[in-house]
Structure formats: C-alpha cells, structure tokens
Amino acid sequence: MTNKRKVVLASQSPRRRELLSELIPDFEIKADTSDETIDADSAPEETVVRLAMKKAKNVAARSDSDAIVIAADTVVFIDGRILGKPVDEGEAAEMLRMLSGRDHHVCTGIAVIDNQIGKSYSCFERTVVHFKPLTEAEIEGYIASGEPMDKAGAYGIQAKGALFVEWIKGDYFNVVGLPLCRLGKVLKEEFDFDISRAAD
C-alpha cells in the first residue's frame, strides 16, 4: 500500500501531536470532544481501548473516505484505581501523594481505523513507572506550576514531572501518551502502512 495516505490524529493533545510529527510530517488533527467517562469497574486496559476506539470511530465518521485515523487514550493506575486527569488541585495533590515513593502503571490504548478498507484495530501498551518519595513542598510547588491539571495521574514525564521519576520499565513514549513502537507495528502489520517510510 502506498505511504502517501491521509492520516488523521483524533486527539487535541499537544504531546501526541508532537510525537506523531516526528514520524509523519503531514497529518490532520481532528479532536473528539465526546465524554471520556471512566468506568471504575472496568480494567484499565479495557478502559483505554474502549475510549480510544470511541474517539477513532467518531473522528472516522467525519473524515475522508481514504483516511487512516489514529486515536489514543492514556490512564495511570495504582492499587486497582484508575487515575485520569484531576478535576481540581485537591485531587491532583491526592494523586501525587498516592504515587509518591511507589510503582504505578501507565496504560495507553491505541485505535486505528482505515476508512479506505473499512478495517479497525485496537490494542494497548503498559509501562511501569517508579516515583521517588515526594515532600508536601514538592507536591504543592508542582501543582502551582499548573502542569498536572491536564494530565492523567497529575504529572507529565516529559516536563517538570520528570524530576519525580526514578525509573521506568517499558516504553517511555507510552507514558507521554503515544507508544510509537507499538503504533508503528500496528500500522505496518495490520494496515500495510509503513510509518518509517511515511515521508518518502
């Protein structure tokens, strides 16, 4: 299949846009603003795959007939609890205290729809992240920066939140919000679209 395909990123996340632009020089952004309610009774893996596919379907329905639509959804989870984006500073502080000095998991669901052939595929990637112990002053200072408020788990590993991360096991880009290795494999193996040649 030709690599000159129209690619649509179903996300308004600047982090996902930046990551994808490193591999695909030209793509369209169509954000899906539908409800992202997290079902507390569902497994994190099921939740992110469901939400990613919902985004992909909604955007595919209003995209060109030859478009490949890519969507993703990321959550942080610890002790069986899913941590989405904090609703306020109090919840952000609560999340950071939970993560302090411990391992947690970051799970991103990927969904791809190829309108041209009418095929869809979804999967997930999981990474373990370990935080150093955080002081109340560090938590308060980080929240005051505003960085935690639009991020799952109330931190961003690619910015100031990196100061809290002692180690990770798994895909770093998954923690940022778009597991590029898994995405590349899905596009190539399931849709015959080689992302490494997208600029050819």
Protein backbone atom coordinates (compact mmCIF):
# COMPACT_ATOMS: atom_id res chain seq x y z
CA MET A 1 0.00 0.00 0.00
CA THR A 2 1.26 3.49 -0.78
CA ASN A 3 2.62 5.57 2.06
CA LYS A 4 1.00 8.68 0.59
CA ARG A 5 -2.10 8.27 2.71
CA LYS A 6 -4.12 10.89 4.54
CA VAL A 7 -3.52 10.40 8.26
CA VAL A 8 -5.82 11.92 10.89
CA LEU A 9 -4.86 12.16 14.55
CA ALA A 10 -8.01 12.02 16.69
CA SER A 11 -6.53 13.98 19.58
CA GLN A 12 -6.07 17.54 20.72
CA SER A 13 -3.10 16.58 22.91
CA PRO A 14 -0.04 18.67 22.01
CA ARG A 15 2.16 15.84 23.26
CA ARG A 16 0.67 13.28 20.87
CA ARG A 17 0.79 15.79 18.02
CA GLU A 18 4.49 16.43 18.66
CA LEU A 19 5.34 12.73 18.88
CA LEU A 20 3.49 11.80 15.70
CA SER A 21 5.01 14.71 13.79
CA GLU A 22 8.45 13.20 14.36
CA LEU A 23 7.40 10.24 12.22
CA ILE A 24 4.69 11.54 9.90
CA PRO A 25 5.40 15.01 8.51
CA ASP A 26 1.90 15.73 7.28
CA PHE A 27 -1.29 14.78 9.08
CA GLU A 28 -4.59 16.36 10.04
CA ILE A 29 -5.84 16.88 13.58
CA LYS A 30 -9.50 16.30 14.38
CA ALA A 31 -10.14 16.25 18.10
CA ASP A 32 -13.01 14.25 19.53
CA THR A 33 -14.61 16.08 22.45
CA SER A 34 -17.09 13.39 23.46
CA ASP A 35 -17.41 12.24 27.06
CA GLU A 36 -14.40 10.33 28.45
CA THR A 37 -16.13 8.84 31.49
CA ILE A 38 -14.03 6.19 33.20
CA ASP A 39 -15.87 3.10 34.40
CA ALA A 40 -14.40 2.30 37.81
CA ASP A 41 -15.44 -1.35 37.43
CA SER A 42 -13.55 -1.87 34.18
CA ALA A 43 -9.92 -2.90 33.93
CA PRO A 44 -7.57 -0.08 32.89
CA GLU A 45 -6.66 -1.93 29.70
CA GLU A 46 -10.32 -2.28 28.73
CA THR A 47 -10.99 1.37 29.58
CA VAL A 48 -8.24 2.87 27.41
CA VAL A 49 -9.01 0.62 24.45
CA ARG A 50 -12.72 1.45 24.67
CA LEU A 51 -12.13 5.19 24.89
CA ALA A 52 -9.54 5.18 22.11
CA MET A 53 -11.86 3.28 19.77
CA LYS A 54 -14.72 5.63 20.62
CA LYS A 55 -12.57 8.60 19.62
CA ALA A 56 -11.41 6.87 16.44
CA LYS A 57 -14.95 5.98 15.34
CA ASN A 58 -16.28 9.46 16.00
CA VAL A 59 -13.50 11.10 14.01
CA ALA A 60 -13.50 8.50 11.22
CA ALA A 61 -17.19 9.21 10.66
CA ARG A 62 -16.35 12.82 9.72
CA SER A 63 -13.11 12.14 7.87
CA ASP A 64 -12.39 11.47 4.19
CA SER A 65 -13.08 8.04 2.75
CA ASP A 66 -9.35 7.34 2.27
CA ALA A 67 -8.23 8.48 5.72
CA ILE A 68 -6.34 6.47 8.31
CA VAL A 69 -7.50 7.63 11.75
CA ILE A 70 -5.29 7.20 14.81
CA ALA A 71 -6.64 7.67 18.34
CA ALA A 72 -5.20 7.08 21.79
CA ASP A 73 -6.23 7.32 25.43
CA THR A 74 -3.95 7.15 28.47
CA VAL A 75 -4.59 6.45 32.14
CA VAL A 76 -2.43 5.97 35.21
CA PHE A 77 -3.42 3.26 37.68
CA ILE A 78 -2.28 2.17 41.11
CA ASP A 79 -3.83 -0.16 43.71
CA GLY A 80 -6.54 -1.03 41.21
CA ARG A 81 -7.62 2.61 40.94
CA ILE A 82 -7.59 4.45 37.63
CA LEU A 83 -6.23 7.99 37.82
CA GLY A 84 -7.46 10.17 34.98
CA LYS A 85 -7.00 13.93 34.72
CA PRO A 86 -7.52 15.65 38.09
CA VAL A 87 -10.67 17.74 38.37
CA ASP A 88 -9.05 20.25 40.72
CA GLU A 89 -5.86 20.95 42.66
CA GLY A 90 -7.02 18.93 45.65
CA GLU A 91 -7.45 15.81 43.56
CA ALA A 92 -4.09 16.44 41.87
CA ALA A 93 -2.41 16.53 45.30
CA GLU A 94 -4.19 13.33 46.33
CA MET A 95 -2.97 11.56 43.19
CA LEU A 96 0.62 12.68 43.66
CA ARG A 97 0.61 11.50 47.27
CA MET A 98 -0.60 8.09 46.10
CA LEU A 99 2.24 7.87 43.57
CA SER A 100 4.94 9.10 45.95
CA GLY A 101 7.72 6.56 46.52
CA ARG A 102 5.90 3.77 44.68
CA ASP A 103 5.45 1.93 41.39
CA HIS A 104 2.43 2.67 39.22
CA HIS A 105 1.33 1.68 35.74
CA VAL A 106 0.63 3.84 32.71
CA CYS A 107 -1.63 2.28 30.10
CA THR A 108 -2.37 3.73 26.66
CA GLY A 109 -4.98 2.35 24.33
CA ILE A 110 -4.46 2.74 20.59
CA ALA A 111 -7.21 2.54 17.99
CA VAL A 112 -6.72 2.76 14.24
CA ILE A 113 -9.43 2.90 11.58
CA ASP A 114 -8.74 2.76 7.85
CA ASN A 115 -11.75 4.25 6.09
CA GLN A 116 -10.47 3.09 2.72
CA ILE A 117 -10.67 -0.62 3.53
CA GLY A 118 -13.20 -0.42 6.38
CA LYS A 119 -10.90 -2.01 8.95
CA SER A 120 -10.35 -1.13 12.61
CA TYR A 121 -7.86 -2.42 15.15
CA SER A 122 -7.16 -1.65 18.80
CA CYS A 123 -4.63 -2.65 21.45
CA PHE A 124 -2.83 -1.25 24.49
CA GLU A 125 0.66 -0.65 25.84
CA ARG A 126 1.62 -0.66 29.53
CA THR A 127 4.65 0.85 31.28
CA VAL A 128 5.73 0.69 34.93
CA VAL A 129 6.88 3.98 36.46
CA HIS A 130 8.53 4.47 39.85
CA PHE A 131 8.33 7.79 41.71
CA LYS A 132 10.80 8.98 44.32
CA PRO A 133 9.25 9.92 47.69
CA LEU A 134 7.70 13.38 47.36
CA THR A 135 7.58 16.07 50.02
CA GLU A 136 4.49 18.20 50.53
CA ALA A 137 6.50 21.19 49.35
CA GLU A 138 7.35 19.41 46.10
CA ILE A 139 3.71 18.47 45.55
CA GLU A 140 2.49 21.99 46.26
CA GLY A 141 5.13 23.56 44.05
CA TYR A 142 4.37 21.23 41.17
CA ILE A 143 0.64 21.88 41.37
CA ALA A 144 1.31 25.62 41.47
CA SER A 145 3.09 25.27 38.12
CA GLY A 146 -0.21 24.21 36.56
CA GLU A 147 1.40 21.27 34.78
CA PRO A 148 -0.56 18.45 36.47
CA MET A 149 -4.04 19.69 35.66
CA ASP A 150 -4.47 18.32 32.12
CA LYS A 151 -2.56 15.07 32.54
CA ALA A 152 -3.58 11.59 33.60
CA GLY A 153 -2.21 10.85 37.06
CA ALA A 154 -1.49 14.55 37.58
CA TYR A 155 2.01 14.56 36.10
CA GLY A 156 3.88 14.86 32.83
CA ILE A 157 7.04 12.78 32.46
CA GLN A 158 8.29 14.93 29.59
CA ALA A 159 8.41 18.16 31.62
CA LYS A 160 8.74 19.11 35.31
CA GLY A 161 7.22 15.78 36.34
CA ALA A 162 10.43 14.12 35.16
CA LEU A 163 12.01 15.25 38.43
CA PHE A 164 9.82 12.73 40.27
CA VAL A 165 10.56 9.68 38.10
CA GLU A 166 13.40 7.47 39.35
CA TRP A 167 12.96 4.75 36.74
CA ILE A 168 10.57 3.23 34.23
CA LYS A 169 10.15 -0.25 32.77
CA GLY A 170 8.67 -0.19 29.31
CA ASP A 171 8.04 2.36 26.58
CA TYR A 172 8.83 5.95 27.62
CA PHE A 173 6.68 7.35 24.80
CA ASN A 174 3.74 5.38 26.16
CA VAL A 175 3.97 7.43 29.35
CA VAL A 176 3.98 10.63 27.29
CA GLY A 177 0.78 9.44 25.60
CA LEU A 178 1.57 7.68 22.31
CA PRO A 179 3.57 4.41 22.23
CA LEU A 180 5.34 4.91 18.92
CA CYS A 181 6.87 1.44 18.61
CA ARG A 182 3.51 -0.30 19.10
CA LEU A 183 1.77 2.18 16.81
CA GLY A 184 4.33 1.58 14.06
CA LYS A 185 3.88 -2.19 14.33
CA VAL A 186 0.09 -1.90 14.21
CA LEU A 187 0.14 0.34 11.14
CA LYS A 188 2.59 -1.90 9.29
CA GLU A 189 1.25 -5.32 10.26
CA GLU A 190 -2.48 -4.59 10.31
CA PHE A 191 -2.80 -1.87 7.66
CA ASP A 192 0.27 -2.35 5.44
CA PHE A 193 1.28 1.25 6.19
CA ASP A 194 4.99 1.62 6.95
CA ILE A 195 5.30 4.65 9.21
CA SER A 196 9.08 4.67 8.74
CA ARG A 197 8.52 5.50 5.06
CA ALA A 198 5.70 7.99 5.51
CA ALA A 199 7.90 10.84 4.32
CA ASP A 200 9.08 9.00 1.18
